Amino acid sequence: MALVWEGKPRLIHLPAALAEEARRRVQLHGRFQELEARILQINLRRLLRKKQVLRSQDGAL
């Protein structure tokens, strides 16, 4: 298994019995990162919309 540890690439040899579990966890981490990115995009859009509303309200006064 190849990974980056403390900023340096590393190669770790896993026993076959642990390889499938490691693959599963890597896939889960990838899914988590995808969902996290989606949530951050949603939150950014909400923040920008809120700022636009506040600016339009300030201009109406």
PDB file of N, CA and C in Angstrom:
ATOM      1  N   MET A   1       0.857  -1.161   0.000  1.00  0.00           N
ATOM      2  CA  MET A   1       0.000   0.000   0.000  1.00  0.00           C
ATOM      3  C   MET A   1       0.904   1.224   0.000  1.00  0.00           C
ATOM      4  N   ALA A   2       0.624   2.149  -0.895  1.00  0.00           N
ATOM      5  CA  ALA A   2       1.378   3.395  -0.966  1.00  0.00           C
ATOM      6  C   ALA A   2       0.583   4.483  -0.265  1.00  0.00           C
ATOM      7  N   LEU A   3       1.276   5.315   0.514  1.00  0.00           N
ATOM      8  CA  LEU A   3       0.621   6.408   1.216  1.00  0.00           C
ATOM      9  C   LEU A   3       1.617   7.517   1.475  1.00  0.00           C
ATOM     10  N   VAL A   4       1.098   8.652   1.919  1.00  0.00           N
ATOM     11  CA  VAL A   4       1.956   9.781   2.281  1.00  0.00           C
ATOM     12  C   VAL A   4       1.880   9.931   3.792  1.00  0.00           C
ATOM     13  N   TRP A   5       3.043   9.912   4.431  1.00  0.00           N
ATOM     14  CA  TRP A   5       3.116  10.015   5.886  1.00  0.00           C
ATOM     15  C   TRP A   5       4.071  11.151   6.216  1.00  0.00           C
ATOM     16  N   GLU A   6       3.579  12.143   6.958  1.00  0.00           N
ATOM     17  CA  GLU A   6       4.373  13.312   7.328  1.00  0.00           C
ATOM     18  C   GLU A   6       5.012  13.966   6.105  1.00  0.00           C
ATOM     19  N   GLY A   7       4.233  14.043   5.025  1.00  0.00           N
ATOM     20  CA  GLY A   7       4.681  14.704   3.813  1.00  0.00           C
ATOM     21  C   GLY A   7       5.606  13.895   2.932  1.00  0.00           C
ATOM     22  N   LYS A   8       5.868  12.644   3.312  1.00  0.00           N
ATOM     23  CA  LYS A   8       6.781  11.819   2.530  1.00  0.00           C
ATOM     24  C   LYS A   8       6.058  10.568   2.036  1.00  0.00           C
ATOM     25  N   PRO A   9       6.285  10.187   0.772  1.00  0.00           N
ATOM     26  CA  PRO A   9       5.652   8.962   0.269  1.00  0.00           C
ATOM     27  C   PRO A   9       6.251   7.731   0.950  1.00  0.00           C
ATOM     28  N   ARG A  10       5.392   6.799   1.289  1.00  0.00           N
ATOM     29  CA  ARG A  10       5.822   5.555   1.948  1.00  0.00           C
ATOM     30  C   ARG A  10       5.161   4.371   1.258  1.00  0.00           C
ATOM     31  N   LEU A  11       5.814   3.246   1.319  1.00  0.00           N
ATOM     32  CA  LEU A  11       5.254   2.006   0.814  1.00  0.00           C
ATOM     33  C   LEU A  11       5.193   1.031   1.977  1.00  0.00           C
ATOM     34  N   ILE A  12       3.991   0.551   2.271  1.00  0.00           N
ATOM     35  CA  ILE A  12       3.795  -0.370   3.385  1.00  0.00           C
ATOM     36  C   ILE A  12       3.294  -1.693   2.829  1.00  0.00           C
ATOM     37  N   HIS A  13       3.905  -2.761   3.261  1.00  0.00           N
ATOM     38  CA  HIS A  13       3.468  -4.088   2.833  1.00  0.00           C
ATOM     39  C   HIS A  13       2.488  -4.630   3.862  1.00  0.00           C
ATOM     40  N   LEU A  14       1.290  -4.981   3.385  1.00  0.00           N
ATOM     41  CA  LEU A  14       0.257  -5.518   4.264  1.00  0.00           C
ATOM     42  C   LEU A  14       0.074  -7.001   4.006  1.00  0.00           C
ATOM     43  N   PRO A  15      -0.196  -7.762   5.049  1.00  0.00           N
ATOM     44  CA  PRO A  15      -0.548  -9.161   4.840  1.00  0.00           C
ATOM     45  C   PRO A  15      -1.851  -9.238   4.039  1.00  0.00           C
ATOM     46  N   ALA A  16      -2.006 -10.283   3.270  1.00  0.00           N
ATOM     47  CA  ALA A  16      -3.197 -10.447   2.429  1.00  0.00           C
ATOM     48  C   ALA A  16      -4.473 -10.375   3.255  1.00  0.00           C
ATOM     49  N   ALA A  17      -4.420 -10.854   4.484  1.00  0.00           N
ATOM     50  CA  ALA A  17      -5.606 -10.849   5.350  1.00  0.00           C
ATOM     51  C   ALA A  17      -6.066  -9.423   5.665  1.00  0.00           C
ATOM     52  N   LEU A  18      -5.164  -8.467   5.668  1.00  0.00           N
ATOM     53  CA  LEU A  18      -5.516  -7.079   5.982  1.00  0.00           C
ATOM     54  C   LEU A  18      -5.760  -6.224   4.739  1.00  0.00           C
ATOM     55  N   ALA A  19      -5.372  -6.715   3.581  1.00  0.00           N
ATOM     56  CA  ALA A  19      -5.450  -5.914   2.361  1.00  0.00           C
ATOM     57  C   ALA A  19      -6.880  -5.502   2.034  1.00  0.00           C
ATOM     58  N   GLU A  20      -7.823  -6.416   2.134  1.00  0.00           N
ATOM     59  CA  GLU A  20      -9.216  -6.096   1.793  1.00  0.00           C
ATOM     60  C   GLU A  20      -9.787  -5.053   2.751  1.00  0.00           C
ATOM     61  N   GLU A  21      -9.491  -5.182   4.026  1.00  0.00           N
ATOM     62  CA  GLU A  21      -9.960  -4.196   5.006  1.00  0.00           C
ATOM     63  C   GLU A  21      -9.348  -2.824   4.713  1.00  0.00           C
ATOM     64  N   ALA A  22      -8.081  -2.793   4.343  1.00  0.00           N
ATOM     65  CA  ALA A  22      -7.420  -1.528   4.011  1.00  0.00           C
ATOM     66  C   ALA A  22      -8.070  -0.896   2.784  1.00  0.00           C
ATOM     67  N   ARG A  23      -8.364  -1.690   1.756  1.00  0.00           N
ATOM     68  CA  ARG A  23      -9.032  -1.174   0.557  1.00  0.00           C
ATOM     69  C   ARG A  23     -10.393  -0.584   0.907  1.00  0.00           C
ATOM     70  N   ARG A  24     -11.131  -1.286   1.746  1.00  0.00           N
ATOM     71  CA  ARG A  24     -12.464  -0.828   2.139  1.00  0.00           C
ATOM     72  C   ARG A  24     -12.376   0.519   2.858  1.00  0.00           C
ATOM     73  N   ARG A  25     -11.422   0.633   3.755  1.00  0.00           N
ATOM     74  CA  ARG A  25     -11.275   1.882   4.507  1.00  0.00           C
ATOM     75  C   ARG A  25     -10.823   3.037   3.613  1.00  0.00           C
ATOM     76  N   VAL A  26      -9.970   2.755   2.656  1.00  0.00           N
ATOM     77  CA  VAL A  26      -9.536   3.788   1.711  1.00  0.00           C
ATOM     78  C   VAL A  26     -10.729   4.260   0.883  1.00  0.00           C
ATOM     79  N   GLN A  27     -11.570   3.328   0.441  1.00  0.00           N
ATOM     80  CA  GLN A  27     -12.771   3.695  -0.318  1.00  0.00           C
ATOM     81  C   GLN A  27     -13.720   4.531   0.535  1.00  0.00           C
ATOM     82  N   LEU A  28     -13.905   4.141   1.788  1.00  0.00           N
ATOM     83  CA  LEU A  28     -14.773   4.912   2.680  1.00  0.00           C
ATOM     84  C   LEU A  28     -14.240   6.331   2.874  1.00  0.00           C
ATOM     85  N   HIS A  29     -12.937   6.453   3.008  1.00  0.00           N
ATOM     86  CA  HIS A  29     -12.331   7.775   3.179  1.00  0.00           C
ATOM     87  C   HIS A  29     -12.560   8.629   1.930  1.00  0.00           C
ATOM     88  N   GLY A  30     -12.435   8.015   0.768  1.00  0.00           N
ATOM     89  CA  GLY A  30     -12.690   8.737  -0.479  1.00  0.00           C
ATOM     90  C   GLY A  30     -14.123   9.227  -0.559  1.00  0.00           C
ATOM     91  N   ARG A  31     -15.067   8.373  -0.160  1.00  0.00           N
ATOM     92  CA  ARG A  31     -16.479   8.775  -0.153  1.00  0.00           C
ATOM     93  C   ARG A  31     -16.703   9.923   0.825  1.00  0.00           C
ATOM     94  N   PHE A  32     -16.067   9.843   1.985  1.00  0.00           N
ATOM     95  CA  PHE A  32     -16.183  10.916   2.976  1.00  0.00           C
ATOM     96  C   PHE A  32     -15.687  12.237   2.395  1.00  0.00           C
ATOM     97  N   GLN A  33     -14.543  12.201   1.724  1.00  0.00           N
ATOM     98  CA  GLN A  33     -13.985  13.425   1.146  1.00  0.00           C
ATOM     99  C   GLN A  33     -14.915  14.012   0.085  1.00  0.00           C
ATOM    100  N   GLU A  34     -15.543  13.156  -0.730  1.00  0.00           N
ATOM    101  CA  GLU A  34     -16.488  13.637  -1.739  1.00  0.00           C
ATOM    102  C   GLU A  34     -17.677  14.325  -1.078  1.00  0.00           C
ATOM    103  N   LEU A  35     -18.224  13.694  -0.046  1.00  0.00           N
ATOM    104  CA  LEU A  35     -19.369  14.283   0.648  1.00  0.00           C
ATOM    105  C   LEU A  35     -18.988  15.580   1.352  1.00  0.00           C
ATOM    106  N   GLU A  36     -17.820  15.611   1.929  1.00  0.00           N
ATOM    107  CA  GLU A  36     -17.345  16.824   2.589  1.00  0.00           C
ATOM    108  C   GLU A  36     -17.242  17.974   1.589  1.00  0.00           C
ATOM    109  N   ALA A  37     -16.716  17.690   0.400  1.00  0.00           N
ATOM    110  CA  ALA A  37     -16.594  18.724  -0.629  1.00  0.00           C
ATOM    111  C   ALA A  37     -17.968  19.237  -1.045  1.00  0.00           C
ATOM    112  N   ARG A  38     -18.934  18.340  -1.178  1.00  0.00           N
ATOM    113  CA  ARG A  38     -20.297  18.761  -1.537  1.00  0.00           C
ATOM    114  C   ARG A  38     -20.889  19.669  -0.462  1.00  0.00           C
ATOM    115  N   ILE A  39     -20.715  19.293   0.786  1.00  0.00           N
ATOM    116  CA  ILE A  39     -21.254  20.095   1.891  1.00  0.00           C
ATOM    117  C   ILE A  39     -20.599  21.477   1.915  1.00  0.00           C
ATOM    118  N   LEU A  40     -19.295  21.534   1.697  1.00  0.00           N
ATOM    119  CA  LEU A  40     -18.604  22.823   1.668  1.00  0.00           C
ATOM    120  C   LEU A  40     -19.117  23.702   0.530  1.00  0.00           C
ATOM    121  N   GLN A  41     -19.388  23.100  -0.635  1.00  0.00           N
ATOM    122  CA  GLN A  41     -19.937  23.867  -1.756  1.00  0.00           C
ATOM    123  C   GLN A  41     -21.313  24.420  -1.413  1.00  0.00           C
ATOM    124  N   ILE A  42     -22.147  23.598  -0.811  1.00  0.00           N
ATOM    125  CA  ILE A  42     -23.490  24.035  -0.419  1.00  0.00           C
ATOM    126  C   ILE A  42     -23.399  25.188   0.572  1.00  0.00           C
ATOM    127  N   ASN A  43     -22.552  25.047   1.566  1.00  0.00           N
ATOM    128  CA  ASN A  43     -22.401  26.104   2.572  1.00  0.00           C
ATOM    129  C   ASN A  43     -21.869  27.397   1.958  1.00  0.00           C
ATOM    130  N   LEU A  44     -20.946  27.278   1.013  1.00  0.00           N
ATOM    131  CA  LEU A  44     -20.416  28.469   0.354  1.00  0.00           C
ATOM    132  C   LEU A  44     -21.515  29.167  -0.443  1.00  0.00           C
ATOM    133  N   ARG A  45     -22.323  28.396  -1.181  1.00  0.00           N
ATOM    134  CA  ARG A  45     -23.429  28.993  -1.936  1.00  0.00           C
ATOM    135  C   ARG A  45     -24.406  29.703  -1.007  1.00  0.00           C
ATOM    136  N   ARG A  46     -24.718  29.073   0.127  1.00  0.00           N
ATOM    137  CA  ARG A  46     -25.638  29.689   1.094  1.00  0.00           C
ATOM    138  C   ARG A  46     -25.064  31.002   1.626  1.00  0.00           C
ATOM    139  N   LEU A  47     -23.786  31.005   1.947  1.00  0.00           N
ATOM    140  CA  LEU A  47     -23.136  32.213   2.453  1.00  0.00           C
ATOM    141  C   LEU A  47     -23.163  33.329   1.412  1.00  0.00           C
ATOM    142  N   LEU A  48     -22.849  32.989   0.158  1.00  0.00           N
ATOM    143  CA  LEU A  48     -22.840  34.004  -0.891  1.00  0.00           C
ATOM    144  C   LEU A  48     -24.236  34.562  -1.136  1.00  0.00           C
ATOM    145  N   ARG A  49     -25.251  33.692  -1.109  1.00  0.00           N
ATOM    146  CA  ARG A  49     -26.631  34.163  -1.271  1.00  0.00           C
ATOM    147  C   ARG A  49     -27.020  35.101  -0.136  1.00  0.00           C
ATOM    148  N   LYS A  50     -26.623  34.734   1.076  1.00  0.00           N
ATOM    149  CA  LYS A  50     -26.940  35.568   2.243  1.00  0.00           C
ATOM    150  C   LYS A  50     -26.283  36.944   2.110  1.00  0.00           C
ATOM    151  N   LYS A  51     -25.034  36.974   1.645  1.00  0.00           N
ATOM    152  CA  LYS A  51     -24.339  38.244   1.448  1.00  0.00           C
ATOM    153  C   LYS A  51     -25.042  39.089   0.389  1.00  0.00           C
ATOM    154  N   GLN A  52     -25.488  38.439  -0.694  1.00  0.00           N
ATOM    155  CA  GLN A  52     -26.194  39.173  -1.749  1.00  0.00           C
ATOM    156  C   GLN A  52     -27.479  39.788  -1.211  1.00  0.00           C
ATOM    157  N   VAL A  53     -28.214  39.030  -0.420  1.00  0.00           N
ATOM    158  CA  VAL A  53     -29.465  39.530   0.155  1.00  0.00           C
ATOM    159  C   VAL A  53     -29.178  40.723   1.054  1.00  0.00           C
ATOM    160  N   LEU A  54     -28.164  40.617   1.890  1.00  0.00           N
ATOM    161  CA  LEU A  54     -27.825  41.724   2.789  1.00  0.00           C
ATOM    162  C   LEU A  54     -27.401  42.967   2.009  1.00  0.00           C
ATOM    163  N   ARG A  55     -26.638  42.774   0.943  1.00  0.00           N
ATOM    164  CA  ARG A  55     -26.213  43.919   0.123  1.00  0.00           C
ATOM    165  C   ARG A  55     -27.406  44.570  -0.572  1.00  0.00           C
ATOM    166  N   SER A  56     -28.320  43.746  -1.070  1.00  0.00           N
ATOM    167  CA  SER A  56     -29.489  44.314  -1.752  1.00  0.00           C
ATOM    168  C   SER A  56     -30.385  45.047  -0.757  1.00  0.00           C
ATOM    169  N   GLN A  57     -30.443  44.577   0.476  1.00  0.00           N
ATOM    170  CA  GLN A  57     -31.237  45.262   1.502  1.00  0.00           C
ATOM    171  C   GLN A  57     -30.592  46.586   1.885  1.00  0.00           C
ATOM    172  N   ASP A  58     -29.266  46.616   1.952  1.00  0.00           N
ATOM    173  CA  ASP A  58     -28.556  47.861   2.274  1.00  0.00           C
ATOM    174  C   ASP A  58     -28.759  48.895   1.169  1.00  0.00           C
ATOM    175  N   GLY A  59     -28.792  48.454  -0.079  1.00  0.00           N
ATOM    176  CA  GLY A  59     -28.981  49.358  -1.202  1.00  0.00           C
ATOM    177  C   GLY A  59     -30.394  49.901  -1.279  1.00  0.00           C
ATOM    178  N   ALA A  60     -31.359  49.171  -0.715  1.00  0.00           N
ATOM    179  CA  ALA A  60     -32.761  49.591  -0.771  1.00  0.00           C
ATOM    180  C   ALA A  60     -33.065  50.670   0.251  1.00  0.00           C
ATOM    181  N   LEU A  61     -32.190  50.824   1.239  1.00  0.00           N
ATOM    182  CA  LEU A  61     -32.457  51.813   2.296  1.00  0.00           C
ATOM    183  C   LEU A  61     -32.168  53.191   1.874  1.00  0.00           C
TER     184      LEU A  61
END
